[in-house]
C-alpha atoms as a PDB file:
ATOM      1  CA  MET A   1     -29.459  -0.086  11.091  1.00  0.00           C
ATOM      2  CA  VAL A   2     -29.098   3.697  10.834  1.00  0.00           C
ATOM      3  CA  SER A   3     -31.229   5.841   8.555  1.00  0.00           C
ATOM      4  CA  LEU A   4     -29.075   8.365   6.665  1.00  0.00           C
ATOM      5  CA  ALA A   5     -30.294  11.917   6.212  1.00  0.00           C
ATOM      6  CA  VAL A   6     -29.198  11.933   2.561  1.00  0.00           C
ATOM      7  CA  GLU A   7     -29.368   9.354  -0.213  1.00  0.00           C
ATOM      8  CA  ASN A   8     -26.560  10.525  -2.508  1.00  0.00           C
ATOM      9  CA  MET A   9     -22.866  11.301  -2.126  1.00  0.00           C
ATOM     10  CA  LEU A  10     -19.843  12.455  -4.109  1.00  0.00           C
ATOM     11  CA  ALA A  11     -17.384   9.876  -5.410  1.00  0.00           C
ATOM     12  CA  ALA A  12     -14.164  10.009  -7.446  1.00  0.00           C
ATOM     13  CA  GLN A  13     -14.661   7.557 -10.285  1.00  0.00           C
ATOM     14  CA  TYR A  14     -12.548   6.112 -13.054  1.00  0.00           C
ATOM     15  CA  ASN A  15     -14.234   6.355 -16.480  1.00  0.00           C
ATOM     16  CA  GLN A  16     -13.181   3.499 -18.749  1.00  0.00           C
ATOM     17  CA  LYS A  17     -14.346   5.280 -21.891  1.00  0.00           C
ATOM     18  CA  THR A  18     -12.255   8.420 -21.306  1.00  0.00           C
ATOM     19  CA  ASN A  19      -9.476   6.693 -19.302  1.00  0.00           C
ATOM     20  CA  GLY A  20      -9.833   9.582 -16.856  1.00  0.00           C
ATOM     21  CA  ILE A  21     -11.133  10.425 -13.435  1.00  0.00           C
ATOM     22  CA  GLU A  22     -14.267  12.413 -12.639  1.00  0.00           C
ATOM     23  CA  ILE A  23     -16.351  13.437  -9.635  1.00  0.00           C
ATOM     24  CA  ASN A  24     -19.897  12.112  -9.744  1.00  0.00           C
ATOM     25  CA  GLN A  25     -22.941  12.167  -7.515  1.00  0.00           C
ATOM     26  CA  VAL A  26     -23.948   8.579  -6.847  1.00  0.00           C
ATOM     27  CA  PRO A  27     -26.248   6.765  -4.398  1.00  0.00           C
ATOM     28  CA  ILE A  28     -24.852   5.942  -0.972  1.00  0.00           C
ATOM     29  CA  PRO A  29     -24.210   2.174  -1.081  1.00  0.00           C
ATOM     30  CA  VAL A  30     -26.472  -0.227   0.771  1.00  0.00           C
ATOM     31  CA  CYS A  31     -24.984  -2.902   3.017  1.00  0.00           C
ATOM     32  CA  GLY A  32     -25.182  -6.534   2.087  1.00  0.00           C
ATOM     33  CA  ASP A  33     -25.436  -9.113   4.854  1.00  0.00           C
ATOM     34  CA  ASN A  34     -21.651  -9.155   5.459  1.00  0.00           C
ATOM     35  CA  ASP A  35     -20.981  -5.449   4.847  1.00  0.00           C
ATOM     36  CA  ILE A  36     -20.198  -2.458   6.999  1.00  0.00           C
ATOM     37  CA  LEU A  37     -21.011   1.022   5.699  1.00  0.00           C
ATOM     38  CA  ILE A  38     -18.129   3.386   6.439  1.00  0.00           C
ATOM     39  CA  LYS A  39     -18.322   7.168   6.621  1.00  0.00           C
ATOM     40  CA  THR A  40     -14.946   8.014   5.136  1.00  0.00           C
ATOM     41  CA  LYS A  41     -12.488  10.041   7.156  1.00  0.00           C
ATOM     42  CA  CYS A  42      -9.510   9.673   4.822  1.00  0.00           C
ATOM     43  CA  ALA A  43      -8.974   7.901   1.518  1.00  0.00           C
ATOM     44  CA  SER A  44      -5.389   7.740   0.303  1.00  0.00           C
ATOM     45  CA  LEU A  45      -3.952   7.138  -3.130  1.00  0.00           C
ATOM     46  CA  CYS A  46      -1.825   4.087  -3.863  1.00  0.00           C
ATOM     47  CA  HIS A  47       0.513   3.798  -6.839  1.00  0.00           C
ATOM     48  CA  SER A  48      -1.311   0.653  -7.906  1.00  0.00           C
ATOM     49  CA  ASP A  49      -4.470   2.766  -8.373  1.00  0.00           C
ATOM     50  CA  LEU A  50      -2.684   4.295 -11.349  1.00  0.00           C
ATOM     51  CA  MET A  51      -2.628   0.895 -13.071  1.00  0.00           C
ATOM     52  CA  LEU A  52      -6.187   1.651 -14.187  1.00  0.00           C
ATOM     53  CA  PHE A  53      -4.864   4.467 -16.361  1.00  0.00           C
ATOM     54  CA  TRP A  54      -1.987   2.374 -17.705  1.00  0.00           C
ATOM     55  CA  GLY A  55      -4.226  -0.550 -18.656  1.00  0.00           C
ATOM     56  CA  HIS A  56      -1.779  -2.569 -16.581  1.00  0.00           C
ATOM     57  CA  THR A  57      -4.258  -4.763 -14.738  1.00  0.00           C
ATOM     58  CA  THR A  58      -6.276  -7.828 -15.663  1.00  0.00           C
ATOM     59  CA  GLU A  59      -8.888  -6.860 -13.047  1.00  0.00           C
ATOM     60  CA  LYS A  60     -11.129  -4.839 -15.346  1.00  0.00           C
ATOM     61  CA  PRO A  61     -13.926  -2.737 -13.798  1.00  0.00           C
ATOM     62  CA  PRO A  62     -17.326  -4.392 -14.295  1.00  0.00           C
ATOM     63  CA  THR A  63     -18.989  -1.090 -15.237  1.00  0.00           C
ATOM     64  CA  ASP A  64     -18.028   1.971 -17.271  1.00  0.00           C
ATOM     65  CA  LYS A  65     -17.457   3.972 -14.085  1.00  0.00           C
ATOM     66  CA  ILE A  66     -16.074   2.739 -10.777  1.00  0.00           C
ATOM     67  CA  THR A  67     -15.126   4.511  -7.558  1.00  0.00           C
ATOM     68  CA  ILE A  68     -11.378   4.296  -7.075  1.00  0.00           C
ATOM     69  CA  GLY A  69      -9.258   3.665  -3.998  1.00  0.00           C
ATOM     70  CA  HIS A  70      -8.417   0.826  -1.632  1.00  0.00           C
ATOM     71  CA  GLU A  71      -6.758   2.602   1.328  1.00  0.00           C
ATOM     72  CA  ASN A  72      -9.113   4.156   3.843  1.00  0.00           C
ATOM     73  CA  THR A  73     -10.174   4.875   7.379  1.00  0.00           C
ATOM     74  CA  GLY A  74     -13.540   5.995   8.672  1.00  0.00           C
ATOM     75  CA  TYR A  75     -16.412   5.301  11.060  1.00  0.00           C
ATOM     76  CA  VAL A  76     -19.013   2.538  10.959  1.00  0.00           C
ATOM     77  CA  VAL A  77     -22.434   3.968  10.143  1.00  0.00           C
ATOM     78  CA  THR A  78     -24.479   0.803   9.711  1.00  0.00           C
ATOM     79  CA  MET A  79     -23.955  -2.884   9.025  1.00  0.00           C
ATOM     80  CA  GLY A  80     -25.443  -6.061   7.595  1.00  0.00           C
ATOM     81  CA  LYS A  81     -27.164  -8.768   9.629  1.00  0.00           C
ATOM     82  CA  ASN A  82     -24.189 -11.163   9.665  1.00  0.00           C
ATOM     83  CA  VAL A  83     -21.599  -8.643  10.872  1.00  0.00           C
ATOM     84  CA  GLN A  84     -19.808  -9.511  14.096  1.00  0.00           C
ATOM     85  CA  GLY A  85     -17.218  -7.639  16.149  1.00  0.00           C
ATOM     86  CA  PHE A  86     -18.188  -4.127  15.047  1.00  0.00           C
ATOM     87  CA  LYS A  87     -20.554  -1.479  16.335  1.00  0.00           C
ATOM     88  CA  VAL A  88     -21.801   1.837  15.008  1.00  0.00           C
ATOM     89  CA  GLY A  89     -19.202   4.542  15.618  1.00  0.00           C
ATOM     90  CA  ASP A  90     -16.162   2.261  15.531  1.00  0.00           C
ATOM     91  CA  ALA A  91     -13.084   3.739  13.827  1.00  0.00           C
ATOM     92  CA  VAL A  92     -12.060   1.240  11.146  1.00  0.00           C
ATOM     93  CA  GLY A  93      -9.831   0.518   8.172  1.00  0.00           C
ATOM     94  CA  CYS A  94      -9.889  -2.327   5.668  1.00  0.00           C
ATOM     95  CA  LEU A  95      -7.759  -4.165   3.130  1.00  0.00           C
ATOM     96  CA  GLY A  96      -8.228  -3.981  -0.608  1.00  0.00           C
ATOM     97  CA  CYS A  97     -10.003  -7.261  -1.422  1.00  0.00           C
ATOM     98  CA  SER A  98     -13.525  -8.033  -0.196  1.00  0.00           C
ATOM     99  CA  TYR A  99     -16.112 -10.782  -0.732  1.00  0.00           C
ATOM    100  CA  ALA A 100     -13.783 -13.782  -0.765  1.00  0.00           C
ATOM    101  CA  CYS A 101     -14.630 -16.880   1.281  1.00  0.00           C
ATOM    102  CA  TYR A 102     -11.600 -16.210   3.547  1.00  0.00           C
ATOM    103  CA  GLU A 103     -11.313 -19.944   4.299  1.00  0.00           C
ATOM    104  CA  CYS A 104      -9.966 -21.816   1.241  1.00  0.00           C
ATOM    105  CA  GLU A 105      -6.316 -22.565   0.451  1.00  0.00           C
ATOM    106  CA  GLY A 106      -6.099 -19.617  -1.934  1.00  0.00           C
ATOM    107  CA  CYS A 107      -7.468 -17.250   0.714  1.00  0.00           C
ATOM    108  CA  GLN A 108      -4.606 -18.176   3.034  1.00  0.00           C
ATOM    109  CA  VAL A 109      -2.252 -16.561   0.489  1.00  0.00           C
ATOM    110  CA  HIS A 110      -4.319 -13.662  -0.866  1.00  0.00           C
ATOM    111  CA  ASN A 111      -8.066 -13.263  -1.162  1.00  0.00           C
ATOM    112  CA  ILE A 112      -7.772 -12.557  -4.874  1.00  0.00           C
ATOM    113  CA  TRP A 113      -6.955 -16.298  -5.225  1.00  0.00           C
ATOM    114  CA  CYS A 114     -10.204 -17.365  -3.554  1.00  0.00           C
ATOM    115  CA  GLU A 115     -11.164 -20.755  -4.979  1.00  0.00           C
ATOM    116  CA  LYS A 116     -14.793 -19.635  -5.205  1.00  0.00           C
ATOM    117  CA  GLY A 117     -13.711 -16.767  -7.447  1.00  0.00           C
ATOM    118  CA  THR A 118     -15.629 -14.195  -5.409  1.00  0.00           C
ATOM    119  CA  GLY A 119     -12.755 -11.972  -4.238  1.00  0.00           C
ATOM    120  CA  ARG A 120     -13.099  -8.414  -5.564  1.00  0.00           C
ATOM    121  CA  LEU A 121     -10.459  -5.673  -5.463  1.00  0.00           C
ATOM    122  CA  HIS A 122     -11.799  -2.331  -4.267  1.00  0.00           C
ATOM    123  CA  GLY A 123     -11.330   0.335  -6.915  1.00  0.00           C
ATOM    124  CA  PHE A 124     -10.874  -2.244  -9.667  1.00  0.00           C
ATOM    125  CA  GLN A 125     -13.593  -4.898  -9.501  1.00  0.00           C
ATOM    126  CA  CYS A 126     -15.920  -3.222  -7.018  1.00  0.00           C
ATOM    127  CA  ASP A 127     -16.304   0.334  -5.768  1.00  0.00           C
ATOM    128  CA  GLY A 128     -13.480   1.729  -3.677  1.00  0.00           C
ATOM    129  CA  HIS A 129     -13.206   4.348  -0.970  1.00  0.00           C
ATOM    130  CA  PHE A 130     -12.685   7.753  -2.609  1.00  0.00           C
ATOM    131  CA  ALA A 131     -16.241   8.673  -1.665  1.00  0.00           C
ATOM    132  CA  GLU A 132     -18.090  10.146   1.263  1.00  0.00           C
ATOM    133  CA  TYR A 133     -19.289   6.647   2.176  1.00  0.00           C
ATOM    134  CA  SER A 134     -18.095   3.190   1.150  1.00  0.00           C
ATOM    135  CA  ILE A 135     -18.769  -0.434   2.013  1.00  0.00           C
ATOM    136  CA  ALA A 136     -16.456  -3.322   2.800  1.00  0.00           C
ATOM    137  CA  ASP A 137     -16.844  -6.927   3.851  1.00  0.00           C
ATOM    138  CA  TYR A 138     -16.515  -6.894   7.643  1.00  0.00           C
ATOM    139  CA  ARG A 139     -14.190  -9.912   7.459  1.00  0.00           C
ATOM    140  CA  ASN A 140     -11.785  -7.692   5.541  1.00  0.00           C
ATOM    141  CA  ALA A 141     -11.844  -4.846   8.087  1.00  0.00           C
ATOM    142  CA  MET A 142     -10.672  -4.122  11.622  1.00  0.00           C
ATOM    143  CA  VAL A 143     -11.303  -1.686  14.443  1.00  0.00           C
ATOM    144  CA  LEU A 144      -8.359   0.678  14.897  1.00  0.00           C
ATOM    145  CA  PRO A 145      -6.312   0.626  18.098  1.00  0.00           C
ATOM    146  CA  LEU A 146      -7.601   3.123  20.647  1.00  0.00           C
ATOM    147  CA  GLY A 147      -6.143   6.573  20.015  1.00  0.00           C
ATOM    148  CA  MET A 148      -4.842   5.872  16.502  1.00  0.00           C
ATOM    149  CA  GLU A 149      -4.995   8.960  14.271  1.00  0.00           C
ATOM    150  CA  LEU A 150      -7.299   8.228  11.335  1.00  0.00           C
ATOM    151  CA  VAL A 151      -5.763  10.448   8.649  1.00  0.00           C
ATOM    152  CA  THR A 152      -2.192   9.176   8.925  1.00  0.00           C
ATOM    153  CA  ALA A 153      -3.505   5.638   9.452  1.00  0.00           C
ATOM    154  CA  ALA A 154      -5.311   5.480   6.090  1.00  0.00           C
ATOM    155  CA  PRO A 155      -2.206   4.652   3.977  1.00  0.00           C
ATOM    156  CA  LEU A 156      -1.274   1.907   6.413  1.00  0.00           C
ATOM    157  CA  PHE A 157      -4.119  -0.214   5.035  1.00  0.00           C
ATOM    158  CA  CYS A 158      -2.143  -1.043   1.927  1.00  0.00           C
ATOM    159  CA  ALA A 159       1.217   0.745   1.867  1.00  0.00           C
ATOM    160  CA  GLY A 160       1.928   0.233   5.554  1.00  0.00           C
ATOM    161  CA  ILE A 161       0.842  -3.392   5.779  1.00  0.00           C
ATOM    162  CA  THR A 162       2.712  -4.209   2.562  1.00  0.00           C
ATOM    163  CA  ALA A 163       5.878  -2.490   3.781  1.00  0.00           C
ATOM    164  CA  TYR A 164       5.652  -4.174   7.179  1.00  0.00           C
ATOM    165  CA  HIS A 165       5.280  -7.667   5.735  1.00  0.00           C
ATOM    166  CA  ALA A 166       7.999  -7.024   3.146  1.00  0.00           C
ATOM    167  CA  ILE A 167      10.495  -6.022   5.835  1.00  0.00           C
ATOM    168  CA  LYS A 168       9.473  -8.822   8.204  1.00  0.00           C
ATOM    169  CA  GLY A 169       9.545 -11.277   5.291  1.00  0.00           C
ATOM    170  CA  CYS A 170      13.256 -10.651   4.768  1.00  0.00           C
ATOM    171  CA  ASP A 171      13.779 -12.511   8.060  1.00  0.00           C
ATOM    172  CA  LEU A 172      16.755 -10.413   9.126  1.00  0.00           C
ATOM    173  CA  LYS A 173      18.358 -10.107  12.538  1.00  0.00           C
ATOM    174  CA  PRO A 174      18.996  -6.819  14.364  1.00  0.00           C
ATOM    175  CA  ASP A 175      21.996  -4.885  12.976  1.00  0.00           C
ATOM    176  CA  GLN A 176      21.854  -6.613   9.613  1.00  0.00           C
ATOM    177  CA  TRP A 177      21.623  -4.389   6.541  1.00  0.00           C
ATOM    178  CA  ILE A 178      18.636  -3.823   4.292  1.00  0.00           C
ATOM    179  CA  ALA A 179      18.468  -1.639   1.195  1.00  0.00           C
ATOM    180  CA  ILE A 180      15.176   0.200   0.725  1.00  0.00           C
ATOM    181  CA  VAL A 181      14.988   0.830  -3.024  1.00  0.00           C
ATOM    182  CA  GLY A 182      12.381   3.499  -3.678  1.00  0.00           C
ATOM    183  CA  CYS A 183      11.846   5.797  -0.701  1.00  0.00           C
ATOM    184  CA  GLY A 184       8.431   7.265  -1.535  1.00  0.00           C
ATOM    185  CA  GLY A 185       4.968   6.214  -0.376  1.00  0.00           C
ATOM    186  CA  LEU A 186       5.866   2.665   0.671  1.00  0.00           C
ATOM    187  CA  GLY A 187       9.590   3.161   1.126  1.00  0.00           C
ATOM    188  CA  HIS A 188       9.346   5.854   3.801  1.00  0.00           C
ATOM    189  CA  LEU A 189       7.166   3.482   5.832  1.00  0.00           C
ATOM    190  CA  ALA A 190       9.545   0.578   5.196  1.00  0.00           C
ATOM    191  CA  VAL A 191      12.433   2.599   6.634  1.00  0.00           C
ATOM    192  CA  GLN A 192      10.423   3.174   9.816  1.00  0.00           C
ATOM    193  CA  TYR A 193       9.568  -0.533  10.151  1.00  0.00           C
ATOM    194  CA  ALA A 194      13.155  -1.560   9.498  1.00  0.00           C
ATOM    195  CA  LYS A 195      14.505   0.794  12.153  1.00  0.00           C
ATOM    196  CA  ALA A 196      11.837  -0.318  14.635  1.00  0.00           C
ATOM    197  CA  LEU A 197      13.039  -3.899  14.059  1.00  0.00           C
ATOM    198  CA  GLY A 198      16.647  -2.900  14.755  1.00  0.00           C
ATOM    199  CA  LEU A 199      17.946  -3.108  11.187  1.00  0.00           C
ATOM    200  CA  LYS A 200      20.501  -0.904   9.474  1.00  0.00           C
ATOM    201  CA  VAL A 201      19.126   0.851   6.417  1.00  0.00           C
ATOM    202  CA  VAL A 202      20.454   2.085   3.089  1.00  0.00           C
ATOM    203  CA  GLY A 203      17.931   4.222   1.219  1.00  0.00           C
ATOM    204  CA  LEU A 204      18.219   4.446  -2.571  1.00  0.00           C
ATOM    205  CA  ASP A 205      16.185   6.709  -4.832  1.00  0.00           C
ATOM    206  CA  ILE A 206      16.542   9.319  -7.568  1.00  0.00           C
ATOM    207  CA  SER A 207      14.530  11.923  -5.642  1.00  0.00           C
ATOM    208  CA  GLU A 208      16.473  14.152  -3.252  1.00  0.00           C
ATOM    209  CA  SER A 209      13.324  15.088  -1.332  1.00  0.00           C
ATOM    210  CA  GLN A 210      12.478  11.443  -0.706  1.00  0.00           C
ATOM    211  CA  LEU A 211      16.048  10.657   0.339  1.00  0.00           C
ATOM    212  CA  GLN A 212      16.063  13.591   2.741  1.00  0.00           C
ATOM    213  CA  ALA A 213      12.771  12.377   4.195  1.00  0.00           C
ATOM    214  CA  VAL A 214      14.049   8.863   4.947  1.00  0.00           C
ATOM    215  CA  GLU A 215      17.344  10.178   6.270  1.00  0.00           C
ATOM    216  CA  ALA A 216      15.303  12.170   8.789  1.00  0.00           C
ATOM    217  CA  LEU A 217      13.463   8.946   9.648  1.00  0.00           C
ATOM    218  CA  GLY A 218      16.702   7.211  10.572  1.00  0.00           C
ATOM    219  CA  ALA A 219      18.196   5.721   7.400  1.00  0.00           C
ATOM    220  CA  ASP A 220      21.883   5.061   8.091  1.00  0.00           C
ATOM    221  CA  MET A 221      22.922   5.885   4.542  1.00  0.00           C
ATOM    222  CA  VAL A 222      21.147   7.401   1.534  1.00  0.00           C
ATOM    223  CA  ILE A 223      22.252   7.367  -2.094  1.00  0.00           C
ATOM    224  CA  ASN A 224      20.905   9.086  -5.173  1.00  0.00           C
ATOM    225  CA  THR A 225      21.502   6.434  -7.835  1.00  0.00           C
ATOM    226  CA  LEU A 226      21.007   9.001 -10.583  1.00  0.00           C
ATOM    227  CA  THR A 227      23.883  11.217  -9.456  1.00  0.00           C
ATOM    228  CA  GLU A 228      26.081   8.437  -8.035  1.00  0.00           C
ATOM    229  CA  PRO A 229      26.441   5.775 -10.770  1.00  0.00           C
ATOM    230  CA  ASP A 230      29.075   3.916  -8.703  1.00  0.00           C
ATOM    231  CA  PHE A 231      26.570   3.332  -5.872  1.00  0.00           C
ATOM    232  CA  GLU A 232      27.383  -0.402  -5.802  1.00  0.00           C
ATOM    233  CA  THR A 233      30.933   0.184  -4.602  1.00  0.00           C
ATOM    234  CA  LYS A 234      29.779   2.757  -2.085  1.00  0.00           C
ATOM    235  CA  VAL A 235      27.107   0.472  -0.613  1.00  0.00           C
ATOM    236  CA  LYS A 236      29.363  -2.551  -0.374  1.00  0.00           C
ATOM    237  CA  THR A 237      32.151  -0.523   1.217  1.00  0.00           C
ATOM    238  CA  PHE A 238      29.828   1.103   3.764  1.00  0.00           C
ATOM    239  CA  THR A 239      28.119  -2.196   4.684  1.00  0.00           C
ATOM    240  CA  LYS A 240      31.324  -4.258   4.580  1.00  0.00           C
ATOM    241  CA  GLY A 241      30.223  -6.575   1.791  1.00  0.00           C
ATOM    242  CA  GLY A 242      26.696  -5.619   0.864  1.00  0.00           C
ATOM    243  CA  CYS A 243      23.181  -5.718   2.244  1.00  0.00           C
ATOM    244  CA  ASN A 244      21.561  -8.874   3.537  1.00  0.00           C
ATOM    245  CA  ALA A 245      18.357  -7.928   1.733  1.00  0.00           C
ATOM    246  CA  ALA A 246      17.057  -5.343  -0.715  1.00  0.00           C
ATOM    247  CA  ALA A 247      13.347  -4.518  -0.686  1.00  0.00           C
ATOM    248  CA  VAL A 248      12.123  -2.771  -3.831  1.00  0.00           C
ATOM    249  CA  PHE A 249       9.189  -0.402  -3.361  1.00  0.00           C
ATOM    250  CA  SER A 250       9.659   1.435  -6.649  1.00  0.00           C
ATOM    251  CA  ALA A 251       7.554   0.930  -9.776  1.00  0.00           C
ATOM    252  CA  SER A 252      10.681   1.318 -11.909  1.00  0.00           C
ATOM    253  CA  ASN A 253      12.256  -1.549 -13.839  1.00  0.00           C
ATOM    254  CA  VAL A 254      15.599   0.214 -13.453  1.00  0.00           C
ATOM    255  CA  ALA A 255      15.191   0.001  -9.674  1.00  0.00           C
ATOM    256  CA  TYR A 256      14.863  -3.774  -9.978  1.00  0.00           C
ATOM    257  CA  GLU A 257      17.953  -3.900 -12.171  1.00  0.00           C
ATOM    258  CA  ASN A 258      19.909  -1.913  -9.570  1.00  0.00           C
ATOM    259  CA  ALA A 259      18.701  -3.657  -6.413  1.00  0.00           C
ATOM    260  CA  PRO A 260      20.771  -6.897  -6.740  1.00  0.00           C
ATOM    261  CA  LYS A 261      23.916  -4.763  -6.993  1.00  0.00           C
ATOM    262  CA  THR A 262      23.448  -3.778  -3.337  1.00  0.00           C
ATOM    263  CA  LEU A 263      23.349  -7.372  -2.080  1.00  0.00           C
ATOM    264  CA  ARG A 264      26.000  -9.560  -0.541  1.00  0.00           C
ATOM    265  CA  ILE A 265      26.201 -13.152  -1.807  1.00  0.00           C
ATOM    266  CA  ASN A 266      22.923 -15.045  -1.236  1.00  0.00           C
ATOM    267  CA  GLY A 267      21.137 -11.880  -0.158  1.00  0.00           C
ATOM    268  CA  LEU A 268      17.382 -11.598  -0.646  1.00  0.00           C
ATOM    269  CA  LEU A 269      15.628  -9.479  -3.274  1.00  0.00           C
ATOM    270  CA  MET A 270      12.164  -8.643  -1.910  1.00  0.00           C
ATOM    271  CA  VAL A 271       9.568  -7.714  -4.538  1.00  0.00           C
ATOM    272  CA  ALA A 272       6.967  -5.154  -3.415  1.00  0.00           C
ATOM    273  CA  GLY A 273       6.754  -2.432  -6.093  1.00  0.00           C
ATOM    274  CA  ILE A 274       4.899  -3.146  -9.331  1.00  0.00           C
ATOM    275  CA  PRO A 275       6.646  -1.878 -12.499  1.00  0.00           C
ATOM    276  CA  LYS A 276       4.908  -1.440 -15.840  1.00  0.00           C
ATOM    277  CA  GLN A 277       7.052  -4.072 -17.584  1.00  0.00           C
ATOM    278  CA  PRO A 278       7.869  -7.662 -16.521  1.00  0.00           C
ATOM    279  CA  LEU A 279      11.024  -8.139 -14.487  1.00  0.00           C
ATOM    280  CA  ALA A 280      14.173  -9.475 -16.134  1.00  0.00           C
ATOM    281  CA  ILE A 281      15.927 -11.857 -13.746  1.00  0.00           C
ATOM    282  CA  ASN A 282      19.071 -13.840 -14.575  1.00  0.00           C
ATOM    283  CA  ALA A 283      18.152 -17.473 -13.950  1.00  0.00           C
ATOM    284  CA  LEU A 284      21.804 -18.459 -13.507  1.00  0.00           C
ATOM    285  CA  ASP A 285      22.200 -15.960 -10.668  1.00  0.00           C
ATOM    286  CA  ILE A 286      19.280 -17.587  -8.872  1.00  0.00           C
ATOM    287  CA  LEU A 287      20.425 -21.122  -9.659  1.00  0.00           C
ATOM    288  CA  LEU A 288      23.916 -20.485  -8.281  1.00  0.00           C
ATOM    289  CA  GLY A 289      22.651 -18.667  -5.192  1.00  0.00           C
ATOM    290  CA  LYS A 290      24.025 -15.223  -6.019  1.00  0.00           C
ATOM    291  CA  TYR A 291      20.779 -13.904  -4.586  1.00  0.00           C
ATOM    292  CA  ARG A 292      17.287 -15.128  -3.717  1.00  0.00           C
ATOM    293  CA  VAL A 293      13.886 -13.691  -4.664  1.00  0.00           C
ATOM    294  CA  ALA A 294      10.685 -13.360  -2.640  1.00  0.00           C
ATOM    295  CA  GLY A 295       7.587 -11.185  -2.696  1.00  0.00           C
ATOM    296  CA  LYS A 296       5.160  -9.741  -0.163  1.00  0.00           C
ATOM    297  CA  SER A 297       1.929  -7.789  -0.488  1.00  0.00           C
ATOM    298  CA  SER A 298      -0.646  -6.455   1.959  1.00  0.00           C
ATOM    299  CA  GLY A 299      -1.663 -10.080   2.362  1.00  0.00           C
ATOM    300  CA  ILE A 300      -4.760 -11.434   4.086  1.00  0.00           C
ATOM    301  CA  PRO A 301      -7.021  -9.962   6.774  1.00  0.00           C
ATOM    302  CA  GLN A 302      -5.751 -12.406   9.398  1.00  0.00           C
ATOM    303  CA  ASN A 303      -2.341 -10.693   9.212  1.00  0.00           C
ATOM    304  CA  MET A 304      -3.700  -7.140   9.218  1.00  0.00           C
ATOM    305  CA  PRO A 305      -3.905  -6.520  12.998  1.00  0.00           C
ATOM    306  CA  GLU A 306      -0.250  -7.429  13.574  1.00  0.00           C
ATOM    307  CA  ALA A 307       0.963  -4.720  11.195  1.00  0.00           C
ATOM    308  CA  ILE A 308      -1.481  -2.057  12.393  1.00  0.00           C
ATOM    309  CA  GLU A 309      -0.834  -2.722  16.071  1.00  0.00           C
ATOM    310  CA  PHE A 310       2.947  -2.706  15.499  1.00  0.00           C
ATOM    311  CA  SER A 311       2.580   0.637  13.710  1.00  0.00           C
ATOM    312  CA  HIS A 312       0.602   2.108  16.582  1.00  0.00           C
ATOM    313  CA  LYS A 313       2.959   0.744  19.248  1.00  0.00           C
ATOM    314  CA  HIS A 314       6.063   2.147  17.522  1.00  0.00           C
ATOM    315  CA  GLY A 315       4.528   5.446  16.418  1.00  0.00           C
ATOM    316  CA  ILE A 316       4.952   4.640  12.731  1.00  0.00           C
ATOM    317  CA  GLN A 317       2.981   7.067  10.599  1.00  0.00           C
ATOM    318  CA  SER A 318       2.684   7.876   6.944  1.00  0.00           C
ATOM    319  CA  HIS A 319       3.813  11.292   5.803  1.00  0.00           C
ATOM    320  CA  ILE A 320       0.653  12.274   3.985  1.00  0.00           C
ATOM    321  CA  THR A 321      -0.178  15.338   1.922  1.00  0.00           C
ATOM    322  CA  THR A 322      -3.913  15.875   2.221  1.00  0.00           C
ATOM    323  CA  PHE A 323      -6.629  17.663   0.280  1.00  0.00           C
ATOM    324  CA  ASN A 324      -9.937  18.658   1.846  1.00  0.00           C
ATOM    325  CA  ASP A 325     -11.964  18.590  -1.360  1.00  0.00           C
ATOM    326  CA  ILE A 326     -12.654  15.438  -3.363  1.00  0.00           C
ATOM    327  CA  HIS A 327     -12.472  17.567  -6.518  1.00  0.00           C
ATOM    328  CA  ASP A 328      -8.701  17.784  -5.889  1.00  0.00           C
ATOM    329  CA  ILE A 329      -8.240  14.086  -6.624  1.00  0.00           C
ATOM    330  CA  GLN A 330      -6.728  14.878 -10.029  1.00  0.00           C
ATOM    331  CA  LYS A 331      -4.073  17.018  -8.321  1.00  0.00           C
ATOM    332  CA  ALA A 332      -3.183  14.028  -6.160  1.00  0.00           C
ATOM    333  CA  VAL A 333      -3.004  11.732  -9.195  1.00  0.00           C
ATOM    334  CA  ASP A 334      -0.789  14.212 -11.035  1.00  0.00           C
ATOM    335  CA  LEU A 335       1.539  14.581  -8.047  1.00  0.00           C
ATOM    336  CA  MET A 336       1.899  10.826  -7.657  1.00  0.00           C
ATOM    337  CA  THR A 337       2.479  10.400 -11.384  1.00  0.00           C
ATOM    338  CA  SER A 338       5.255  13.004 -11.272  1.00  0.00           C
ATOM    339  CA  GLY A 339       7.115  11.057  -8.582  1.00  0.00           C
ATOM    340  CA  LYS A 340       8.236  14.340  -7.029  1.00  0.00           C
ATOM    341  CA  THR A 341       6.371  14.134  -3.747  1.00  0.00           C
ATOM    342  CA  ALA A 342       7.529  12.363  -0.607  1.00  0.00           C
ATOM    343  CA  GLY A 343       5.121  10.192   1.354  1.00  0.00           C
ATOM    344  CA  ARG A 344       1.477   9.587   0.554  1.00  0.00           C
ATOM    345  CA  LEU A 345      -1.434  11.612  -0.857  1.00  0.00           C
ATOM    346  CA  GLY A 346      -5.035  11.581   0.334  1.00  0.00           C
ATOM    347  CA  VAL A 347      -8.413  13.265   0.606  1.00  0.00           C
ATOM    348  CA  VAL A 348      -9.843  14.072   4.029  1.00  0.00           C
ATOM    349  CA  PHE A 349     -13.620  14.076   4.392  1.00  0.00           C
ATOM    350  CA  GLU A 350     -15.658  15.948   7.002  1.00  0.00           C
END
């Protein structure tokens, strides 16, 4: 155990009563038996964090104020008595759901489905990582590969792992076509994973800056669906029949309506982005095999190292706009809400 020189810290917290975000001084958390205490290096904002403000989540915070964020990197400061495989000073990152049993049938799909009902989502059901220090269940964390840059690695611990598993989950062969629908925070990582796996990529978005960003990352074709309403014909001509899969990383229902138009017969629609409204899917299309539907998320801790190590091996990094003051968190939220920024947004701590 390490004795900290201070007892309090700054944290960005969601206030249920005001439906807003505020910076508060709170006690540095104390490790439970299975916890590691992390001195935050970078906490990054995920689009799903905004669901708190929409009221679009059933995972209600247990208190009036809760520290937000579930993407982070940092250094181990101290740990509980049951922790194994970590030491003080290790550079680490962790997934978004702690305190599950990690062993039951539900936990082999996602820890939120833990049969014991103990899984807790950071930033929603327990405190998250937009703070100078945070805790996580050690079974939900990993030591970073040697030499991995902590700031650009932070978004990998949700956006990156989700994008990696979504692309891999399409089960495509090299030189087959995939449409990346939504080229922002997750999409720009998905393009990098797809290219690293030898796939051909069509990027679709309504943001020119995001399309330019993924074109620079190797997308073989980019289309602004707002300015090119006949994008279906263009995609199917360019790909000689359509894409083998379309992975949707946008939170737009319109994006989900457009994605099947890019597919060849019996192509796969991969669900990754979370829109505000339920999806409308034509059951007859699915019944007759016009296209198939699957979904992938950041998944379980057992699958975390594969994605992080692949990212490090292939030099896959998030394009992240950073702020050096936690008080700038509202600027980050506003930028993400606007949808006008490419890549990810985060706060870097000293």
